[in-house]
Amino acid sequence: MININYEMTAPCLIAVSGGRTSGFMLRQILDAHGGSLPNGVHAVFNNTGLEHESSLLFLRDMSIHWGVHIHWLEYRHAPDADKKHTYVEVNFQSASRNGEPFTQLITAKQMLPNPMTRFCTAELKIRTSNRWAKDQGYDEWHRAVGLRWDEPRRVSKLKGDIKSEMVLCPMSDAKHTLDDVTDFWNNHPFDLNLPGNDNAFGNCSLCFLKGKHKIAKVIRSRPDLADWWIEQESRTDLGATGDGRTFRIDRPTYSQIRTQLDKQGNMFNDAIEDDTLPCNCTD
C-alpha cells in the first residue's frame, strides 16, 4: 500500500544526506511514484567535503540499485564574481573529500562557525540547494527533509530559508519512526556501513556540535580526521576575533583533544549521556 504522504508535488527537492533516515524517505517517495521520480522532483545531496567515505558509498549504492539520479552539489566561493556564493555539481568520483567546500565558506565568512553562529548548514546545504533550484528556473519549490515522527521538536522548529521554499516532513506526516527506518535497512540488500555501525561517524565526521565523547571516539579510531579541524583552528588569515577563532570555547580545541587522547587514552566516558547539540542537519 502506497503512503500518500510521500507523493511529492513538483517542483520539489528531496534532501538526501547520506544517512539511513533520508535514504528511507527517498525510497518511500520512489515507491509512491511507481519506482521513479516524476519530472520536477529531484534528489539532492550537499557535500561538505567532510562526510565519511561510507556515506558517499551509500549514496552511490542508492543510485545504482534504485536507478535514481542524485544531484551532488558543493558550495563554492567566487570572490571576484557577481555571485560570490555559488556551487558546482560533482559526482562520486569528483566529490571533495578534504573539506574543500567548508574551507571556502570559512574563507568567505572570515570566521569559524560555532554553536551560536551556525552558518555552515545554511550555506553548505540549504542555500546551495536553493541556488541550484533557482538555476533550474524555479520561482517556488518544496523541500522534503528526513525528520521523523519521533522528532517532534525538530519538526516544529523547521521553516524555509526563504519565502520561495516550502519545507515538507513526509516522514513525520506518515508517522514513521526510527524503528521503521531500522527495520527497513535490516531487511534491505545494501546498507550504510559506518565504522562499527556507529552514527558518531555520520554527517560531518567531527562536527563541532557533536558531543565531546563522540568527537573523542572518532579521533581515537581515525586520528587523521582531526587534521582539517585542527588546520582551520590554526588559521591566521581570518579576520575573526573572540569566538570566531575556534569552533567551541567551552571545551578543548581539536588539537588539544587529539593530544590528550595520544597521552592519556580515553579521557571521555563513552557511556555518559550524549551532549550533542541539535542542528539542522538530518540523517
C-alpha atoms as a PDB file:
ATOM      1  CA  MET A   1       0.000   0.000   0.000  1.00  0.00           C
ATOM      2  CA  ILE A   2       1.405   3.362  -1.078  1.00  0.00           C
ATOM      3  CA  ASN A   3       1.544   6.075   1.576  1.00  0.00           C
ATOM      4  CA  ILE A   4       0.108   9.264   0.068  1.00  0.00           C
ATOM      5  CA  ASN A   5       2.255  11.375   2.397  1.00  0.00           C
ATOM      6  CA  TYR A   6       5.178  10.590   0.109  1.00  0.00           C
ATOM      7  CA  GLU A   7       3.555  11.871  -3.074  1.00  0.00           C
ATOM      8  CA  MET A   8       5.540  14.983  -3.955  1.00  0.00           C
ATOM      9  CA  THR A   9       4.295  17.961  -5.941  1.00  0.00           C
ATOM     10  CA  ALA A  10       6.811  19.404  -8.404  1.00  0.00           C
ATOM     11  CA  PRO A  11       8.986  21.313  -8.195  1.00  0.00           C
ATOM     12  CA  CYS A  12      10.479  19.602  -5.169  1.00  0.00           C
ATOM     13  CA  LEU A  13      13.958  18.978  -3.777  1.00  0.00           C
ATOM     14  CA  ILE A  14      14.450  15.818  -1.714  1.00  0.00           C
ATOM     15  CA  ALA A  15      17.244  16.442   0.795  1.00  0.00           C
ATOM     16  CA  VAL A  16      19.350  13.275   0.891  1.00  0.00           C
ATOM     17  CA  SER A  17      22.128  13.463   3.478  1.00  0.00           C
ATOM     18  CA  GLY A  18      23.827  10.099   3.072  1.00  0.00           C
ATOM     19  CA  GLY A  19      22.196   8.700   6.215  1.00  0.00           C
ATOM     20  CA  ARG A  20      19.630   5.957   6.714  1.00  0.00           C
ATOM     21  CA  THR A  21      16.661   8.210   7.519  1.00  0.00           C
ATOM     22  CA  SER A  22      16.826  10.353   4.398  1.00  0.00           C
ATOM     23  CA  GLY A  23      17.565   7.228   2.361  1.00  0.00           C
ATOM     24  CA  PHE A  24      14.411   5.638   3.770  1.00  0.00           C
ATOM     25  CA  MET A  25      12.471   8.789   2.824  1.00  0.00           C
ATOM     26  CA  LEU A  26      13.817   8.698  -0.730  1.00  0.00           C
ATOM     27  CA  ARG A  27      12.787   5.048  -1.119  1.00  0.00           C
ATOM     28  CA  GLN A  28       9.244   5.818   0.084  1.00  0.00           C
ATOM     29  CA  ILE A  29       8.967   8.720  -2.351  1.00  0.00           C
ATOM     30  CA  LEU A  30      10.181   6.500  -5.192  1.00  0.00           C
ATOM     31  CA  ASP A  31       7.615   3.841  -4.288  1.00  0.00           C
ATOM     32  CA  ALA A  32       4.834   6.417  -4.100  1.00  0.00           C
ATOM     33  CA  HIS A  33       5.603   7.367  -7.708  1.00  0.00           C
ATOM     34  CA  GLY A  34       5.897   3.892  -9.195  1.00  0.00           C
ATOM     35  CA  GLY A  35       9.640   3.487  -8.631  1.00  0.00           C
ATOM     36  CA  SER A  36      10.980   6.662 -10.236  1.00  0.00           C
ATOM     37  CA  LEU A  37      10.908  10.374  -9.509  1.00  0.00           C
ATOM     38  CA  PRO A  38       8.437  12.407 -11.568  1.00  0.00           C
ATOM     39  CA  ASN A  39       9.586  15.372 -13.616  1.00  0.00           C
ATOM     40  CA  GLY A  40      10.459  18.299 -11.401  1.00  0.00           C
ATOM     41  CA  VAL A  41      11.165  16.186  -8.311  1.00  0.00           C
ATOM     42  CA  HIS A  42      14.908  15.988  -7.636  1.00  0.00           C
ATOM     43  CA  ALA A  43      17.040  14.129  -5.093  1.00  0.00           C
ATOM     44  CA  VAL A  44      19.837  16.421  -3.890  1.00  0.00           C
ATOM     45  CA  PHE A  45      22.908  15.714  -1.763  1.00  0.00           C
ATOM     46  CA  ASN A  46      25.039  18.589  -0.473  1.00  0.00           C
ATOM     47  CA  ASN A  47      28.630  17.535   0.117  1.00  0.00           C
ATOM     48  CA  THR A  48      30.624  19.444   2.729  1.00  0.00           C
ATOM     49  CA  GLY A  49      33.783  17.528   1.870  1.00  0.00           C
ATOM     50  CA  LEU A  50      33.862  16.088   5.397  1.00  0.00           C
ATOM     51  CA  GLU A  51      31.423  13.206   5.049  1.00  0.00           C
ATOM     52  CA  HIS A  52      32.661   9.730   5.881  1.00  0.00           C
ATOM     53  CA  GLU A  53      33.508   7.676   2.797  1.00  0.00           C
ATOM     54  CA  SER A  54      30.860   5.144   3.839  1.00  0.00           C
ATOM     55  CA  SER A  55      28.192   7.823   3.427  1.00  0.00           C
ATOM     56  CA  LEU A  56      29.369   8.569  -0.100  1.00  0.00           C
ATOM     57  CA  LEU A  57      29.356   4.860  -0.951  1.00  0.00           C
ATOM     58  CA  PHE A  58      25.833   4.593   0.484  1.00  0.00           C
ATOM     59  CA  LEU A  59      24.623   7.381  -1.797  1.00  0.00           C
ATOM     60  CA  ARG A  60      26.280   5.731  -4.776  1.00  0.00           C
ATOM     61  CA  ASP A  61      24.553   2.439  -3.908  1.00  0.00           C
ATOM     62  CA  MET A  62      21.156   4.161  -3.815  1.00  0.00           C
ATOM     63  CA  SER A  63      21.690   5.488  -7.321  1.00  0.00           C
ATOM     64  CA  ILE A  64      22.922   2.144  -8.666  1.00  0.00           C
ATOM     65  CA  HIS A  65      20.399  -0.177  -7.003  1.00  0.00           C
ATOM     66  CA  TRP A  66      17.368   2.110  -7.178  1.00  0.00           C
ATOM     67  CA  GLY A  67      18.033   3.680 -10.564  1.00  0.00           C
ATOM     68  CA  VAL A  68      17.643   7.208  -9.217  1.00  0.00           C
ATOM     69  CA  HIS A  69      19.772  10.200 -10.112  1.00  0.00           C
ATOM     70  CA  ILE A  70      21.021  12.120  -7.085  1.00  0.00           C
ATOM     71  CA  HIS A  71      22.428  15.586  -7.738  1.00  0.00           C
ATOM     72  CA  TRP A  72      25.676  16.029  -5.788  1.00  0.00           C
ATOM     73  CA  LEU A  73      26.189  19.733  -5.082  1.00  0.00           C
ATOM     74  CA  GLU A  74      29.105  21.530  -3.426  1.00  0.00           C
ATOM     75  CA  TYR A  75      29.374  25.105  -2.198  1.00  0.00           C
ATOM     76  CA  ARG A  76      31.912  27.369  -3.864  1.00  0.00           C
ATOM     77  CA  HIS A  77      33.154  30.858  -3.014  1.00  0.00           C
ATOM     78  CA  ALA A  78      33.830  33.097  -6.017  1.00  0.00           C
ATOM     79  CA  PRO A  79      35.141  36.374  -4.521  1.00  0.00           C
ATOM     80  CA  ASP A  80      35.613  38.117  -7.884  1.00  0.00           C
ATOM     81  CA  ALA A  81      32.260  37.110  -9.389  1.00  0.00           C
ATOM     82  CA  ASP A  82      28.901  38.888  -9.225  1.00  0.00           C
ATOM     83  CA  LYS A  83      27.549  35.934  -7.240  1.00  0.00           C
ATOM     84  CA  LYS A  84      30.181  35.307  -4.591  1.00  0.00           C
ATOM     85  CA  HIS A  85      28.348  32.333  -3.081  1.00  0.00           C
ATOM     86  CA  THR A  86      27.760  29.679  -5.723  1.00  0.00           C
ATOM     87  CA  TYR A  87      28.046  25.899  -6.280  1.00  0.00           C
ATOM     88  CA  VAL A  88      29.259  23.170  -8.603  1.00  0.00           C
ATOM     89  CA  GLU A  89      27.702  19.815  -9.400  1.00  0.00           C
ATOM     90  CA  VAL A  90      30.008  16.834  -8.846  1.00  0.00           C
ATOM     91  CA  ASN A  91      29.694  13.047  -8.640  1.00  0.00           C
ATOM     92  CA  PHE A  92      31.039  10.180  -6.547  1.00  0.00           C
ATOM     93  CA  GLN A  93      34.428  10.260  -8.255  1.00  0.00           C
ATOM     94  CA  SER A  94      34.931  14.038  -8.284  1.00  0.00           C
ATOM     95  CA  ALA A  95      33.358  14.896  -4.925  1.00  0.00           C
ATOM     96  CA  SER A  96      35.552  16.731  -2.409  1.00  0.00           C
ATOM     97  CA  ARG A  97      36.898  14.601   0.411  1.00  0.00           C
ATOM     98  CA  ASN A  98      39.152  17.038   2.261  1.00  0.00           C
ATOM     99  CA  GLY A  99      36.710  19.702   3.374  1.00  0.00           C
ATOM    100  CA  GLU A 100      37.239  21.978   0.372  1.00  0.00           C
ATOM    101  CA  PRO A 101      33.678  23.432   0.272  1.00  0.00           C
ATOM    102  CA  PHE A 102      33.751  24.088   4.031  1.00  0.00           C
ATOM    103  CA  THR A 103      37.201  25.684   3.791  1.00  0.00           C
ATOM    104  CA  GLN A 104      35.982  28.057   1.104  1.00  0.00           C
ATOM    105  CA  LEU A 105      32.968  29.035   3.211  1.00  0.00           C
ATOM    106  CA  ILE A 106      35.173  29.816   6.215  1.00  0.00           C
ATOM    107  CA  THR A 107      37.366  31.972   3.978  1.00  0.00           C
ATOM    108  CA  ALA A 108      34.280  33.786   2.673  1.00  0.00           C
ATOM    109  CA  LYS A 109      32.922  34.394   6.190  1.00  0.00           C
ATOM    110  CA  GLN A 110      36.351  35.155   7.677  1.00  0.00           C
ATOM    111  CA  MET A 111      35.465  33.214  10.810  1.00  0.00           C
ATOM    112  CA  LEU A 112      34.699  29.728  12.053  1.00  0.00           C
ATOM    113  CA  PRO A 113      31.111  28.657  12.741  1.00  0.00           C
ATOM    114  CA  ASN A 114      30.242  27.888  16.355  1.00  0.00           C
ATOM    115  CA  PRO A 115      27.164  26.837  18.371  1.00  0.00           C
ATOM    116  CA  MET A 116      25.881  30.432  18.415  1.00  0.00           C
ATOM    117  CA  THR A 117      26.673  31.200  14.749  1.00  0.00           C
ATOM    118  CA  ARG A 118      25.854  28.068  12.761  1.00  0.00           C
ATOM    119  CA  PHE A 119      26.200  29.325   9.217  1.00  0.00           C
ATOM    120  CA  CYS A 120      27.661  26.070   7.878  1.00  0.00           C
ATOM    121  CA  THR A 121      24.419  24.102   7.435  1.00  0.00           C
ATOM    122  CA  ALA A 122      22.614  27.119   5.973  1.00  0.00           C
ATOM    123  CA  GLU A 123      25.264  27.887   3.354  1.00  0.00           C
ATOM    124  CA  LEU A 124      26.781  24.475   2.578  1.00  0.00           C
ATOM    125  CA  LYS A 125      23.461  22.652   2.367  1.00  0.00           C
ATOM    126  CA  ILE A 126      20.209  24.627   2.345  1.00  0.00           C
ATOM    127  CA  ARG A 127      21.251  27.706   0.355  1.00  0.00           C
ATOM    128  CA  THR A 128      23.409  25.681  -2.002  1.00  0.00           C
ATOM    129  CA  SER A 129      20.325  23.603  -2.880  1.00  0.00           C
ATOM    130  CA  ASN A 130      18.209  26.722  -3.235  1.00  0.00           C
ATOM    131  CA  ARG A 131      20.711  28.339  -5.593  1.00  0.00           C
ATOM    132  CA  TRP A 132      20.588  25.202  -7.722  1.00  0.00           C
ATOM    133  CA  ALA A 133      16.763  25.274  -7.696  1.00  0.00           C
ATOM    134  CA  LYS A 134      16.724  28.872  -8.915  1.00  0.00           C
ATOM    135  CA  ASP A 135      19.100  27.941 -11.727  1.00  0.00           C
ATOM    136  CA  GLN A 136      16.617  25.279 -12.836  1.00  0.00           C
ATOM    137  CA  GLY A 137      14.145  28.117 -13.421  1.00  0.00           C
ATOM    138  CA  TYR A 138      12.007  27.507 -10.323  1.00  0.00           C
ATOM    139  CA  ASP A 139      10.421  30.509  -8.614  1.00  0.00           C
ATOM    140  CA  GLU A 140       8.964  28.404  -5.793  1.00  0.00           C
ATOM    141  CA  TRP A 141       9.585  24.840  -4.691  1.00  0.00           C
ATOM    142  CA  HIS A 142       9.076  22.289  -1.938  1.00  0.00           C
ATOM    143  CA  ARG A 143      11.943  20.777   0.041  1.00  0.00           C
ATOM    144  CA  ALA A 144      11.378  17.375   1.628  1.00  0.00           C
ATOM    145  CA  VAL A 145      13.585  16.693   4.652  1.00  0.00           C
ATOM    146  CA  GLY A 146      14.089  13.499   6.630  1.00  0.00           C
ATOM    147  CA  LEU A 147      12.670  14.364  10.032  1.00  0.00           C
ATOM    148  CA  ARG A 148      10.705  11.551  11.643  1.00  0.00           C
ATOM    149  CA  TRP A 149       7.519  11.326  13.723  1.00  0.00           C
ATOM    150  CA  ASP A 150       9.686  10.732  16.820  1.00  0.00           C
ATOM    151  CA  GLU A 151      11.491  14.064  16.325  1.00  0.00           C
ATOM    152  CA  PRO A 152       8.575  16.448  17.077  1.00  0.00           C
ATOM    153  CA  ARG A 153      10.700  19.281  18.458  1.00  0.00           C
ATOM    154  CA  ARG A 154      12.856  19.440  15.359  1.00  0.00           C
ATOM    155  CA  VAL A 155       9.795  19.263  13.125  1.00  0.00           C
ATOM    156  CA  SER A 156       8.041  22.081  14.994  1.00  0.00           C
ATOM    157  CA  LYS A 157      11.044  24.390  14.602  1.00  0.00           C
ATOM    158  CA  LEU A 158      11.559  23.728  10.914  1.00  0.00           C
ATOM    159  CA  LYS A 159      10.909  26.504   8.442  1.00  0.00           C
ATOM    160  CA  GLY A 160      12.020  27.507   4.985  1.00  0.00           C
ATOM    161  CA  ASP A 161      15.195  29.506   4.491  1.00  0.00           C
ATOM    162  CA  ILE A 162      13.491  31.820   2.007  1.00  0.00           C
ATOM    163  CA  LYS A 163       9.897  32.616   1.028  1.00  0.00           C
ATOM    164  CA  SER A 164      10.213  30.622  -2.193  1.00  0.00           C
ATOM    165  CA  GLU A 165      10.769  27.413  -0.257  1.00  0.00           C
ATOM    166  CA  MET A 166       8.074  25.326   1.442  1.00  0.00           C
ATOM    167  CA  VAL A 167       9.530  22.668   3.751  1.00  0.00           C
ATOM    168  CA  LEU A 168       7.843  19.263   3.970  1.00  0.00           C
ATOM    169  CA  CYS A 169       8.374  16.479   6.527  1.00  0.00           C
ATOM    170  CA  PRO A 170       6.743  13.459   4.860  1.00  0.00           C
ATOM    171  CA  MET A 171       8.190  11.005   7.389  1.00  0.00           C
ATOM    172  CA  SER A 172       6.608  12.894  10.263  1.00  0.00           C
ATOM    173  CA  ASP A 173       3.310  13.151   8.389  1.00  0.00           C
ATOM    174  CA  ALA A 174       3.423   9.395   7.746  1.00  0.00           C
ATOM    175  CA  LYS A 175       4.267   8.753  11.441  1.00  0.00           C
ATOM    176  CA  HIS A 176       7.421   6.861  10.538  1.00  0.00           C
ATOM    177  CA  THR A 177       9.916   6.451  13.391  1.00  0.00           C
ATOM    178  CA  LEU A 178      13.481   5.306  13.893  1.00  0.00           C
ATOM    179  CA  ASP A 179      12.233   1.748  14.388  1.00  0.00           C
ATOM    180  CA  ASP A 180      10.675   1.848  10.904  1.00  0.00           C
ATOM    181  CA  VAL A 181      13.952   3.070   9.429  1.00  0.00           C
ATOM    182  CA  THR A 182      15.970   0.418  11.246  1.00  0.00           C
ATOM    183  CA  ASP A 183      13.619  -2.380  10.209  1.00  0.00           C
ATOM    184  CA  PHE A 184      13.742  -1.259   6.604  1.00  0.00           C
ATOM    185  CA  TRP A 185      17.533  -1.290   6.322  1.00  0.00           C
ATOM    186  CA  ASN A 186      17.868  -4.520   8.301  1.00  0.00           C
ATOM    187  CA  ASN A 187      15.899  -6.200   5.526  1.00  0.00           C
ATOM    188  CA  HIS A 188      17.457  -4.390   2.553  1.00  0.00           C
ATOM    189  CA  PRO A 189      20.125  -5.751   0.153  1.00  0.00           C
ATOM    190  CA  PHE A 190      22.536  -2.889   0.977  1.00  0.00           C
ATOM    191  CA  ASP A 191      23.025  -0.579   3.939  1.00  0.00           C
ATOM    192  CA  LEU A 192      25.134   2.243   5.369  1.00  0.00           C
ATOM    193  CA  ASN A 193      28.377   0.747   6.671  1.00  0.00           C
ATOM    194  CA  LEU A 194      29.811   3.299   9.093  1.00  0.00           C
ATOM    195  CA  PRO A 195      32.709   2.002  11.239  1.00  0.00           C
ATOM    196  CA  GLY A 196      31.266  -0.221  13.934  1.00  0.00           C
ATOM    197  CA  ASN A 197      27.792   0.760  12.702  1.00  0.00           C
ATOM    198  CA  ASP A 198      28.292   3.875  14.843  1.00  0.00           C
ATOM    199  CA  ASN A 199      26.383   7.036  13.894  1.00  0.00           C
ATOM    200  CA  ALA A 200      29.117   9.098  15.580  1.00  0.00           C
ATOM    201  CA  PHE A 201      30.839   8.926  12.169  1.00  0.00           C
ATOM    202  CA  GLY A 202      27.776  10.209  10.266  1.00  0.00           C
ATOM    203  CA  ASN A 203      27.275  13.639   8.691  1.00  0.00           C
ATOM    204  CA  CYS A 204      30.390  15.797   9.108  1.00  0.00           C
ATOM    205  CA  SER A 205      32.639  13.291  10.880  1.00  0.00           C
ATOM    206  CA  LEU A 206      33.863  15.699  13.599  1.00  0.00           C
ATOM    207  CA  CYS A 207      31.098  18.320  13.557  1.00  0.00           C
ATOM    208  CA  PHE A 208      31.620  20.776  16.422  1.00  0.00           C
ATOM    209  CA  LEU A 209      28.009  20.240  17.537  1.00  0.00           C
ATOM    210  CA  LYS A 210      28.679  16.586  18.338  1.00  0.00           C
ATOM    211  CA  GLY A 211      29.202  15.641  21.960  1.00  0.00           C
ATOM    212  CA  LYS A 212      32.788  15.529  23.203  1.00  0.00           C
ATOM    213  CA  HIS A 213      32.686  11.769  23.736  1.00  0.00           C
ATOM    214  CA  LYS A 214      31.601  11.266  20.098  1.00  0.00           C
ATOM    215  CA  ILE A 215      34.427  13.519  18.924  1.00  0.00           C
ATOM    216  CA  ALA A 216      36.906  11.549  21.023  1.00  0.00           C
ATOM    217  CA  LYS A 217      35.559   8.223  19.752  1.00  0.00           C
ATOM    218  CA  VAL A 218      36.041   9.240  16.111  1.00  0.00           C
ATOM    219  CA  ILE A 219      39.524  10.656  16.708  1.00  0.00           C
ATOM    220  CA  ARG A 220      40.616   7.502  18.545  1.00  0.00           C
ATOM    221  CA  SER A 221      39.551   5.449  15.536  1.00  0.00           C
ATOM    222  CA  ARG A 222      40.776   7.868  12.851  1.00  0.00           C
ATOM    223  CA  PRO A 223      43.197  10.495  14.205  1.00  0.00           C
ATOM    224  CA  ASP A 224      43.723  11.815  10.675  1.00  0.00           C
ATOM    225  CA  LEU A 225      40.109  13.024  10.520  1.00  0.00           C
ATOM    226  CA  ALA A 226      41.059  15.733  13.016  1.00  0.00           C
ATOM    227  CA  ASP A 227      43.619  17.236  10.608  1.00  0.00           C
ATOM    228  CA  TRP A 228      41.166  19.521   8.795  1.00  0.00           C
ATOM    229  CA  TRP A 229      39.571  20.792  12.020  1.00  0.00           C
ATOM    230  CA  ILE A 230      42.965  21.466  13.589  1.00  0.00           C
ATOM    231  CA  GLU A 231      44.098  23.298  10.465  1.00  0.00           C
ATOM    232  CA  GLN A 232      41.044  25.568  10.498  1.00  0.00           C
ATOM    233  CA  GLU A 233      41.527  26.459  14.162  1.00  0.00           C
ATOM    234  CA  SER A 234      45.165  27.294  13.377  1.00  0.00           C
ATOM    235  CA  ARG A 235      44.452  29.689  10.516  1.00  0.00           C
ATOM    236  CA  THR A 236      45.940  33.170  10.771  1.00  0.00           C
ATOM    237  CA  ASP A 237      44.331  34.573   7.616  1.00  0.00           C
ATOM    238  CA  LEU A 238      40.854  35.035   9.135  1.00  0.00           C
ATOM    239  CA  GLY A 239      39.587  38.362  10.402  1.00  0.00           C
ATOM    240  CA  ALA A 240      37.673  36.812  13.275  1.00  0.00           C
ATOM    241  CA  THR A 241      38.105  37.756  16.894  1.00  0.00           C
ATOM    242  CA  GLY A 242      36.932  36.058  20.072  1.00  0.00           C
ATOM    243  CA  ASP A 243      34.525  33.185  19.448  1.00  0.00           C
ATOM    244  CA  GLY A 244      35.243  33.204  15.706  1.00  0.00           C
ATOM    245  CA  ARG A 245      38.735  31.760  16.182  1.00  0.00           C
ATOM    246  CA  THR A 246      37.689  28.296  17.386  1.00  0.00           C
ATOM    247  CA  PHE A 247      34.663  26.063  16.795  1.00  0.00           C
ATOM    248  CA  ARG A 248      33.967  25.827  20.546  1.00  0.00           C
ATOM    249  CA  ILE A 249      35.092  27.935  23.512  1.00  0.00           C
ATOM    250  CA  ASP A 250      33.558  25.618  26.118  1.00  0.00           C
ATOM    251  CA  ARG A 251      35.907  22.682  25.553  1.00  0.00           C
ATOM    252  CA  PRO A 252      39.444  21.957  24.312  1.00  0.00           C
ATOM    253  CA  THR A 253      40.404  22.626  20.708  1.00  0.00           C
ATOM    254  CA  TYR A 254      40.635  19.728  18.271  1.00  0.00           C
ATOM    255  CA  SER A 255      44.410  19.800  18.572  1.00  0.00           C
ATOM    256  CA  GLN A 256      44.191  19.599  22.359  1.00  0.00           C
ATOM    257  CA  ILE A 257      41.665  16.747  22.207  1.00  0.00           C
ATOM    258  CA  ARG A 258      43.888  14.696  19.916  1.00  0.00           C
ATOM    259  CA  THR A 259      46.977  15.429  22.020  1.00  0.00           C
ATOM    260  CA  GLN A 260      45.165  14.454  25.216  1.00  0.00           C
ATOM    261  CA  LEU A 261      43.977  11.227  23.622  1.00  0.00           C
ATOM    262  CA  ASP A 262      47.533  10.429  22.492  1.00  0.00           C
ATOM    263  CA  LYS A 263      48.873  10.970  26.010  1.00  0.00           C
ATOM    264  CA  GLN A 264      46.003   9.852  28.223  1.00  0.00           C
ATOM    265  CA  GLY A 265      43.929   7.421  26.136  1.00  0.00           C
ATOM    266  CA  ASN A 266      40.197   7.501  26.701  1.00  0.00           C
ATOM    267  CA  MET A 267      39.684  10.759  28.600  1.00  0.00           C
ATOM    268  CA  PHE A 268      35.932  10.799  27.881  1.00  0.00           C
ATOM    269  CA  ASN A 269      33.482   8.155  29.047  1.00  0.00           C
ATOM    270  CA  ASP A 270      31.588   6.783  26.044  1.00  0.00           C
ATOM    271  CA  ALA A 271      28.764   5.688  28.350  1.00  0.00           C
ATOM    272  CA  ILE A 272      27.880   9.190  29.581  1.00  0.00           C
ATOM    273  CA  GLU A 273      24.775  10.971  28.384  1.00  0.00           C
ATOM    274  CA  ASP A 274      25.109  12.422  24.908  1.00  0.00           C
ATOM    275  CA  ASP A 275      25.759  16.177  24.943  1.00  0.00           C
ATOM    276  CA  THR A 276      25.448  16.622  21.185  1.00  0.00           C
ATOM    277  CA  LEU A 277      23.739  19.890  20.272  1.00  0.00           C
ATOM    278  CA  PRO A 278      20.822  19.867  17.828  1.00  0.00           C
ATOM    279  CA  CYS A 279      21.316  21.309  14.375  1.00  0.00           C
ATOM    280  CA  ASN A 280      19.526  21.468  11.017  1.00  0.00           C
ATOM    281  CA  CYS A 281      21.500  18.584   9.520  1.00  0.00           C
ATOM    282  CA  THR A 282      19.382  15.455   9.155  1.00  0.00           C
ATOM    283  CA  ASP A 283      20.192  11.775   8.989  1.00  0.00           C
END
